[in-house]
Amino acid sequence: MTFISELIASRRTIYDFKMDPVPVEKIKEAIDVARWAPNHHLTEPWHFYLLGTESIKSVIELNTQIILEKSGEEAANAKQQRWSKIPGWLVVTCDKSADKHQMQEDYAACCCAIQNMMLYLWSENIGVKWSTGKVTCDPRFYDLLWVDQNAETVVGLFWYGYAEEVPQAARKQVEQITVMLP
């Protein structure tokens, strides 16, 4: 296997992080790599929002409120405690387009950029969890981040840090997912 194939095959979603902070320079390097993703007509539709302590606190409060309304106090408190232990937060958005095909192309480009970013971070021993939970769809989330919901859509909320544990994973065999056409 080559370095890149080993890197891709070894990357995992990280759920538990050490409390050690990741230098912001590493995140900026990952964003620099991310921006080289393929994108139709070079639209570069992505935006990266690094969350500081006040923004993180506000997002945690919003999510706690959402969970409280849906699942009750015990679930809300558990989620609040878990989220308060996450060392690094980043949000990626995609420009909206009135053209449905362009919007799909741009969203796909953002996903490619995100994969670039996650692979770079993994090569630096920094793990990531990509979240698209209810909080990221809430209009109040956009307001907290000063993101214009009419101009951008959230692709994901990303937690990052040094992995406490790296989970194991398996994938289907190539033969199971490949169809040879005549």
Protein backbone atom coordinates (compact mmCIF):
# COMPACT_ATOMS: atom_id res chain seq x y z
CA MET A 1 0.00 0.00 0.00
CA THR A 2 1.09 3.54 -0.64
CA PHE A 3 1.13 6.23 2.02
CA ILE A 4 -2.08 7.81 0.70
CA SER A 5 -3.97 4.50 0.54
CA GLU A 6 -2.86 3.65 4.08
CA LEU A 7 -3.90 7.09 5.28
CA ILE A 8 -7.34 6.79 3.68
CA ALA A 9 -7.91 3.25 4.95
CA SER A 10 -6.80 4.07 8.50
CA ARG A 11 -8.85 7.27 9.01
CA ARG A 12 -11.69 6.88 11.48
CA THR A 13 -14.40 9.02 12.97
CA ILE A 14 -13.25 9.95 16.46
CA TYR A 15 -15.82 10.14 19.24
CA ASP A 16 -13.62 10.74 22.27
CA PHE A 17 -10.85 13.29 22.36
CA LYS A 18 -8.01 14.10 24.69
CA MET A 19 -8.30 17.57 26.19
CA ASP A 20 -5.00 18.69 24.61
CA PRO A 21 -5.72 21.64 22.31
CA VAL A 22 -4.80 21.41 18.64
CA PRO A 23 -2.68 24.35 17.45
CA VAL A 24 -4.80 26.61 15.23
CA GLU A 25 -1.93 26.58 12.71
CA LYS A 26 -2.63 22.86 12.08
CA ILE A 27 -6.28 23.62 11.35
CA LYS A 28 -5.33 26.43 8.99
CA GLU A 29 -2.92 24.07 7.21
CA ALA A 30 -5.77 21.57 6.84
CA ILE A 31 -8.02 24.29 5.40
CA ASP A 32 -5.23 25.25 2.99
CA VAL A 33 -5.14 21.64 1.77
CA ALA A 34 -8.95 21.45 1.69
CA ARG A 35 -9.27 24.32 -0.77
CA TRP A 36 -7.51 22.27 -3.46
CA ALA A 37 -10.50 19.98 -3.80
CA PRO A 38 -12.05 19.63 -7.25
CA ASN A 39 -14.89 22.08 -7.81
CA HIS A 40 -17.00 22.63 -10.90
CA HIS A 41 -16.14 25.90 -12.69
CA LEU A 42 -13.75 26.70 -9.80
CA THR A 43 -16.60 28.10 -7.72
CA GLU A 44 -14.76 27.36 -4.45
CA PRO A 45 -18.13 27.29 -2.65
CA TRP A 46 -16.80 26.44 0.82
CA HIS A 47 -16.48 28.55 3.94
CA PHE A 48 -14.69 27.45 7.12
CA TYR A 49 -15.73 28.88 10.49
CA LEU A 50 -13.37 28.22 13.40
CA LEU A 51 -15.38 28.50 16.60
CA GLY A 52 -13.96 30.25 19.63
CA THR A 53 -14.97 29.69 23.24
CA GLU A 54 -17.98 32.03 23.16
CA SER A 55 -19.34 30.52 19.94
CA ILE A 56 -18.82 26.99 21.27
CA LYS A 57 -20.60 27.87 24.50
CA SER A 58 -23.54 29.32 22.53
CA VAL A 59 -23.81 26.24 20.31
CA ILE A 60 -23.70 23.94 23.34
CA GLU A 61 -26.47 25.99 24.99
CA LEU A 62 -28.60 25.85 21.84
CA ASN A 63 -28.11 22.11 21.46
CA THR A 64 -28.91 21.57 25.14
CA GLN A 65 -32.16 23.48 24.66
CA ILE A 66 -33.05 21.42 21.56
CA ILE A 67 -32.33 18.12 23.37
CA LEU A 68 -34.21 19.28 26.48
CA GLU A 69 -37.35 19.99 24.43
CA LYS A 70 -37.12 16.66 22.59
CA SER A 71 -35.70 14.18 25.10
CA GLY A 72 -35.79 15.72 28.56
CA GLU A 73 -33.40 17.02 31.17
CA GLU A 74 -31.29 13.89 31.68
CA ALA A 75 -30.48 13.54 27.97
CA ALA A 76 -29.83 17.28 27.65
CA ASN A 77 -27.44 17.30 30.60
CA ALA A 78 -25.57 14.24 29.30
CA LYS A 79 -25.15 15.83 25.85
CA GLN A 80 -24.08 19.13 27.39
CA GLN A 81 -21.39 17.40 29.45
CA ARG A 82 -20.15 15.41 26.45
CA TRP A 83 -20.03 18.45 24.15
CA SER A 84 -18.23 20.52 26.78
CA LYS A 85 -15.29 18.10 26.58
CA ILE A 86 -14.71 18.55 22.84
CA PRO A 87 -11.47 20.49 22.30
CA GLY A 88 -11.91 21.88 18.76
CA TRP A 89 -14.90 23.06 16.73
CA LEU A 90 -15.22 23.99 13.07
CA VAL A 91 -18.22 24.54 10.80
CA VAL A 92 -18.13 24.19 7.02
CA THR A 93 -20.76 25.82 4.84
CA CYS A 94 -21.50 25.79 1.14
CA ASP A 95 -22.68 28.67 -1.02
CA LYS A 96 -26.29 28.32 -2.09
CA SER A 97 -27.25 28.56 -5.74
CA ALA A 98 -30.60 29.07 -7.44
CA ASP A 99 -29.45 26.50 -9.99
CA LYS A 100 -30.21 23.04 -8.56
CA HIS A 101 -27.43 21.34 -10.55
CA GLN A 102 -24.85 23.95 -9.49
CA MET A 103 -25.94 23.53 -5.86
CA GLN A 104 -25.36 19.77 -6.13
CA GLU A 105 -21.96 20.32 -7.76
CA ASP A 106 -20.97 22.79 -5.06
CA TYR A 107 -22.13 20.54 -2.20
CA ALA A 108 -20.11 17.66 -3.70
CA ALA A 109 -17.07 19.96 -3.95
CA CYS A 110 -17.45 20.89 -0.28
CA CYS A 111 -17.54 17.21 0.65
CA CYS A 112 -14.31 16.69 -1.32
CA ALA A 113 -12.73 19.64 0.51
CA ILE A 114 -13.83 18.18 3.82
CA GLN A 115 -12.27 14.81 2.97
CA ASN A 116 -9.02 16.60 2.07
CA MET A 117 -9.13 18.44 5.40
CA MET A 118 -9.86 15.30 7.41
CA LEU A 119 -7.11 13.31 5.70
CA TYR A 120 -4.58 16.05 6.30
CA LEU A 121 -5.55 16.24 9.96
CA TRP A 122 -5.38 12.45 10.27
CA SER A 123 -1.85 12.54 8.84
CA GLU A 124 -1.04 14.90 11.75
CA ASN A 125 -2.65 12.49 14.30
CA ILE A 126 -5.68 14.75 14.67
CA GLY A 127 -9.06 13.05 14.56
CA VAL A 128 -12.37 14.48 13.41
CA LYS A 129 -16.06 13.77 13.84
CA TRP A 130 -18.40 15.14 11.17
CA SER A 131 -21.82 15.98 12.61
CA THR A 132 -25.01 16.92 10.78
CA GLY A 133 -27.20 16.80 13.87
CA LYS A 134 -30.37 18.77 14.49
CA VAL A 135 -28.51 21.78 15.86
CA THR A 136 -26.86 22.37 12.45
CA CYS A 137 -30.27 22.68 10.78
CA ASP A 138 -31.72 25.09 13.31
CA PRO A 139 -32.02 28.72 12.10
CA ARG A 140 -30.67 29.85 15.48
CA PHE A 141 -27.41 27.98 14.74
CA TYR A 142 -26.91 30.15 11.65
CA ASP A 143 -27.61 33.27 13.72
CA LEU A 144 -25.06 32.25 16.38
CA LEU A 145 -22.37 31.94 13.70
CA TRP A 146 -23.41 35.06 11.79
CA VAL A 147 -24.06 32.93 8.70
CA ASP A 148 -26.68 34.14 6.21
CA GLN A 149 -28.98 31.13 5.79
CA ASN A 150 -30.17 32.53 2.45
CA ALA A 151 -26.61 32.56 1.08
CA GLU A 152 -24.98 29.49 2.69
CA THR A 153 -26.00 26.07 3.94
CA VAL A 154 -24.23 24.15 6.68
CA VAL A 155 -22.47 21.04 5.39
CA GLY A 156 -21.35 20.00 8.84
CA LEU A 157 -20.14 20.73 12.31
CA PHE A 158 -16.70 19.23 12.86
CA TRP A 159 -15.17 18.34 16.18
CA TYR A 160 -11.45 17.77 16.17
CA GLY A 161 -8.68 16.85 18.54
CA TYR A 162 -6.22 14.14 19.46
CA ALA A 163 -7.96 10.78 19.68
CA GLU A 164 -8.50 9.19 23.07
CA GLU A 165 -9.23 5.96 21.21
CA VAL A 166 -9.27 4.97 17.52
CA PRO A 167 -12.21 2.71 16.71
CA GLN A 168 -11.90 -0.27 14.38
CA ALA A 169 -13.97 -0.42 11.20
CA ALA A 170 -14.64 -2.74 8.28
CA ARG A 171 -15.82 -2.11 4.75
CA LYS A 172 -17.57 -4.24 2.14
CA GLN A 173 -15.35 -6.03 -0.34
CA VAL A 174 -14.80 -4.34 -3.72
CA GLU A 175 -16.71 -7.17 -5.41
CA GLN A 176 -19.76 -6.37 -3.31
CA ILE A 177 -19.98 -2.75 -4.44
CA THR A 178 -18.73 -2.94 -8.03
CA VAL A 179 -20.84 -3.69 -11.09
CA MET A 180 -19.09 -4.41 -14.37
CA LEU A 181 -21.19 -3.29 -17.32
CA PRO A 182 -20.72 -4.59 -20.87
